[in-house]
N, C-alpha and C. Protein backbone atom coordinates (compact mmCIF):
# COMPACT_ATOMS: atom_id res chain seq x y z
N MET A 1 0.79 -1.34 0.15
CA MET A 1 0.18 0.15 -0.18
C MET A 1 0.74 1.18 -0.18
N ALA A 2 1.88 1.08 0.68
CA ALA A 2 2.88 2.52 0.70
C ALA A 2 3.46 2.48 -0.32
N LEU A 3 3.79 1.62 -1.35
CA LEU A 3 4.87 1.68 -2.61
C LEU A 3 3.62 2.37 -3.58
N LEU A 4 2.55 1.91 -3.26
CA LEU A 4 1.48 2.61 -4.30
C LEU A 4 1.09 3.95 -4.16
N LYS A 5 1.27 4.35 -2.87
CA LYS A 5 1.09 5.80 -2.58
C LYS A 5 2.07 6.61 -3.29
N LYS A 6 3.28 6.09 -2.91
CA LYS A 6 4.58 6.61 -3.61
C LYS A 6 4.54 6.81 -4.73
N GLN A 7 4.13 5.74 -5.77
CA GLN A 7 3.92 5.58 -7.12
C GLN A 7 2.82 6.56 -7.46
N LEU A 8 1.86 7.01 -6.89
CA LEU A 8 0.51 7.58 -7.02
C LEU A 8 1.35 9.25 -7.22
N LYS A 9 1.78 9.24 -5.99
CA LYS A 9 2.47 10.66 -5.87
C LYS A 9 3.45 11.34 -6.65
N ALA A 10 4.10 10.13 -7.29
CA ALA A 10 5.38 10.30 -8.08
C ALA A 10 4.53 10.78 -9.36
N THR A 11 3.63 10.01 -9.71
CA THR A 11 2.77 10.31 -11.06
C THR A 11 2.01 11.70 -11.20
N LEU A 12 1.32 11.82 -10.04
CA LEU A 12 0.45 13.01 -9.87
C LEU A 12 0.77 14.30 -9.68
N LYS A 13 2.25 14.12 -8.70
CA LYS A 13 2.92 15.78 -8.18
C LYS A 13 3.43 16.66 -9.62
N PRO A 14 3.82 15.71 -10.62
CA PRO A 14 4.64 16.60 -12.10
C PRO A 14 2.98 17.31 -12.72
N ILE A 15 1.88 16.67 -12.70
CA ILE A 15 0.79 17.14 -13.16
C ILE A 15 0.29 18.01 -12.53
N TYR A 16 0.14 17.81 -11.34
CA TYR A 16 -0.17 19.13 -10.32
C TYR A 16 0.74 20.40 -10.38
N LEU A 17 1.92 20.25 -10.49
CA LEU A 17 2.90 21.40 -10.70
C LEU A 17 2.62 22.23 -11.72
N SER A 18 2.45 21.16 -13.01
CA SER A 18 2.14 22.00 -13.91
C SER A 18 0.96 22.66 -14.60
N VAL A 19 -0.17 22.02 -13.73
CA VAL A 19 -1.25 22.71 -13.72
C VAL A 19 -1.14 24.16 -13.22
N LYS A 20 -1.00 24.36 -11.45
CA LYS A 20 -0.42 25.13 -10.95
C LYS A 20 0.15 26.29 -11.44
N ARG A 21 1.41 26.06 -12.21
CA ARG A 21 2.04 27.47 -13.06
C ARG A 21 1.11 27.93 -14.06
N LYS A 22 0.43 26.92 -14.87
CA LYS A 22 -0.43 27.64 -15.99
C LYS A 22 -1.68 28.68 -15.38
N VAL A 23 -2.33 28.00 -14.22
CA VAL A 23 -3.19 28.90 -13.74
C VAL A 23 -2.80 30.12 -13.04
N ALA A 24 -1.48 29.91 -12.41
CA ALA A 24 -0.92 31.36 -12.14
C ALA A 24 -0.53 32.20 -13.01
N ARG A 25 0.13 31.94 -14.44
CA ARG A 25 0.45 32.53 -15.01
C ARG A 25 -0.59 33.20 -15.95
N SER A 26 -1.77 32.55 -15.88
CA SER A 26 -2.93 32.94 -16.81
C SER A 26 -3.83 33.98 -16.03
N MET A 27 -3.76 33.88 -14.70
CA MET A 27 -4.54 34.44 -13.91
C MET A 27 -3.78 35.69 -13.23
N TYR A 28 -2.35 35.41 -12.62
CA TYR A 28 -1.67 36.50 -11.84
C TYR A 28 -0.65 36.66 -12.61
N SER A 29 -0.63 36.70 -13.82
CA SER A 29 0.87 36.80 -14.58
C SER A 29 1.40 38.42 -14.28
N TYR A 30 2.33 38.68 -14.49
CA TYR A 30 3.16 40.16 -14.19
C TYR A 30 4.43 40.27 -14.77
N THR A 31 4.39 41.35 -15.51
CA THR A 31 5.95 41.48 -16.42
C THR A 31 6.96 42.35 -15.47
N PRO A 32 7.99 42.12 -15.91
CA PRO A 32 9.23 42.78 -15.31
C PRO A 32 9.17 44.15 -14.96
N ALA A 33 8.27 45.14 -16.09
CA ALA A 33 8.13 46.19 -15.52
C ALA A 33 6.98 46.41 -14.55
N GLU A 34 5.91 45.56 -14.34
CA GLU A 34 5.15 45.50 -13.35
C GLU A 34 5.75 45.35 -12.04
N LEU A 35 6.64 44.26 -12.01
CA LEU A 35 7.78 44.16 -10.90
C LEU A 35 8.39 45.15 -10.17
N ALA A 36 9.09 45.82 -11.24
CA ALA A 36 9.79 47.30 -11.06
C ALA A 36 8.73 48.03 -10.55
N ALA A 37 7.70 48.58 -10.99
CA ALA A 37 6.71 49.06 -10.40
C ALA A 37 6.29 49.06 -9.05
N ALA A 38 6.25 47.84 -8.81
CA ALA A 38 5.70 47.25 -7.10
C ALA A 38 6.79 47.52 -6.20
N LEU A 39 8.40 47.02 -6.51
CA LEU A 39 9.32 47.26 -5.75
C LEU A 39 9.50 49.07 -5.56
N LYS A 40 9.43 49.63 -6.68
CA LYS A 40 9.38 51.21 -6.32
C LYS A 40 8.15 51.47 -5.40
N LYS A 41 7.29 51.01 -5.72
CA LYS A 41 5.86 51.38 -4.92
C LYS A 41 6.07 51.06 -3.19
N LEU A 42 7.01 49.87 -2.94
CA LEU A 42 7.46 49.47 -1.60
C LEU A 42 8.14 50.48 -1.11
N GLY A 43 9.21 51.17 -1.93
CA GLY A 43 9.87 52.52 -1.53
C GLY A 43 11.43 52.13 -1.91
N LEU A 44 11.70 50.78 -2.74
CA LEU A 44 13.02 50.41 -3.12
C LEU A 44 13.53 51.56 -3.75
N GLU A 45 14.65 52.10 -3.54
CA GLU A 45 15.31 53.08 -4.08
C GLU A 45 17.03 52.61 -4.36
N SER A 46 17.54 53.50 -5.51
CA SER A 46 18.77 53.48 -5.59
C SER A 46 19.87 53.65 -4.42
N GLY A 47 20.60 52.63 -4.14
CA GLY A 47 21.73 52.58 -2.91
C GLY A 47 21.14 51.87 -1.55
N ASP A 48 19.71 51.33 -1.66
CA ASP A 48 18.98 50.49 -0.65
C ASP A 48 19.88 48.99 -0.73
N THR A 49 20.00 48.52 0.27
CA THR A 49 20.33 47.04 0.25
C THR A 49 19.13 46.20 0.44
N LEU A 50 18.78 45.27 -0.71
CA LEU A 50 18.11 44.20 -0.65
C LEU A 50 18.39 42.78 -0.67
N MET A 51 17.74 42.04 0.32
CA MET A 51 18.20 40.71 0.44
C MET A 51 16.94 40.04 -0.29
N MET A 52 17.40 39.03 -1.17
CA MET A 52 16.32 38.06 -1.75
C MET A 52 16.49 36.64 -1.65
N HIS A 53 15.39 35.69 -1.77
CA HIS A 53 15.61 34.62 -1.62
C HIS A 53 16.09 33.99 -3.19
N SER A 54 16.77 32.84 -3.15
CA SER A 54 17.23 32.83 -4.88
C SER A 54 16.42 31.75 -5.16
N GLY A 55 15.33 31.09 -4.96
CA GLY A 55 14.56 30.22 -5.52
C GLY A 55 13.52 30.96 -6.29
N PHE A 56 13.47 30.49 -7.55
CA PHE A 56 12.76 31.13 -8.61
C PHE A 56 11.08 30.52 -8.93
N ASP A 57 11.39 29.49 -8.18
CA ASP A 57 9.56 29.01 -7.97
C ASP A 57 8.50 29.70 -7.31
N GLN A 58 9.30 30.92 -6.50
CA GLN A 58 8.68 31.52 -5.77
C GLN A 58 7.64 32.65 -6.76
N PHE A 59 8.34 32.67 -8.00
CA PHE A 59 7.66 33.75 -8.82
C PHE A 59 6.84 33.17 -10.01
N ASN A 60 5.86 32.36 -9.36
CA ASN A 60 4.72 31.78 -10.16
C ASN A 60 4.11 32.87 -10.75
N GLY A 61 3.96 32.67 -12.11
CA GLY A 61 2.94 33.98 -12.65
C GLY A 61 3.96 35.11 -13.45
N PHE A 62 5.29 35.04 -13.10
CA PHE A 62 6.27 36.04 -13.44
C PHE A 62 6.51 35.72 -15.21
N THR A 63 6.29 36.59 -16.01
CA THR A 63 6.40 36.33 -17.29
C THR A 63 7.68 36.59 -17.76
N GLY A 64 8.65 36.96 -17.01
CA GLY A 64 10.26 36.89 -17.59
C GLY A 64 10.90 35.68 -16.86
N GLY A 65 12.31 35.65 -16.89
CA GLY A 65 13.20 34.55 -16.33
C GLY A 65 13.90 35.10 -15.19
N PRO A 66 14.70 34.29 -14.58
CA PRO A 66 15.54 34.89 -13.07
C PRO A 66 16.06 35.76 -13.76
N GLU A 67 16.90 36.01 -14.81
CA GLU A 67 17.74 36.99 -14.99
C GLU A 67 17.14 38.48 -15.20
N ASP A 68 15.84 38.29 -15.65
CA ASP A 68 14.56 39.38 -15.71
C ASP A 68 14.59 39.99 -14.26
N VAL A 69 14.53 39.31 -13.28
CA VAL A 69 14.14 39.43 -11.89
C VAL A 69 15.50 40.18 -11.41
N ILE A 70 16.77 39.76 -11.62
CA ILE A 70 17.98 40.53 -11.52
C ILE A 70 17.97 41.85 -12.13
N ASP A 71 17.84 41.85 -13.30
CA ASP A 71 18.23 42.85 -14.11
C ASP A 71 16.93 44.46 -13.62
N VAL A 72 15.90 43.99 -12.79
CA VAL A 72 14.98 44.82 -12.77
C VAL A 72 15.45 45.36 -11.23
N VAL A 73 15.99 44.46 -10.37
CA VAL A 73 16.47 45.07 -9.03
C VAL A 73 17.73 45.67 -9.37
N LEU A 74 18.64 45.22 -10.29
CA LEU A 74 20.03 46.39 -10.56
C LEU A 74 19.53 47.51 -10.93
N GLU A 75 18.31 47.45 -11.91
CA GLU A 75 18.09 48.65 -12.48
C GLU A 75 17.42 49.59 -11.36
N ILE A 76 16.64 49.40 -10.60
CA ILE A 76 16.17 50.20 -9.59
C ILE A 76 17.34 50.73 -8.34
């Protein structure tokens, strides 16, 4: 029974993650420009120190890539 649960989980997890990403991108997507605007709205300015988590999975819905996040932060 435990082996069956592990196999089922291994089969369903990638499907779940794929659907989750598609829903986030279709309903909650945002661009690098929108990310920059949100950071500025939070008060981030040139010369400020910013600590960021390096896991890109937290950016569900972001239409750019990891390099775009870095570019936005460095631009501000």
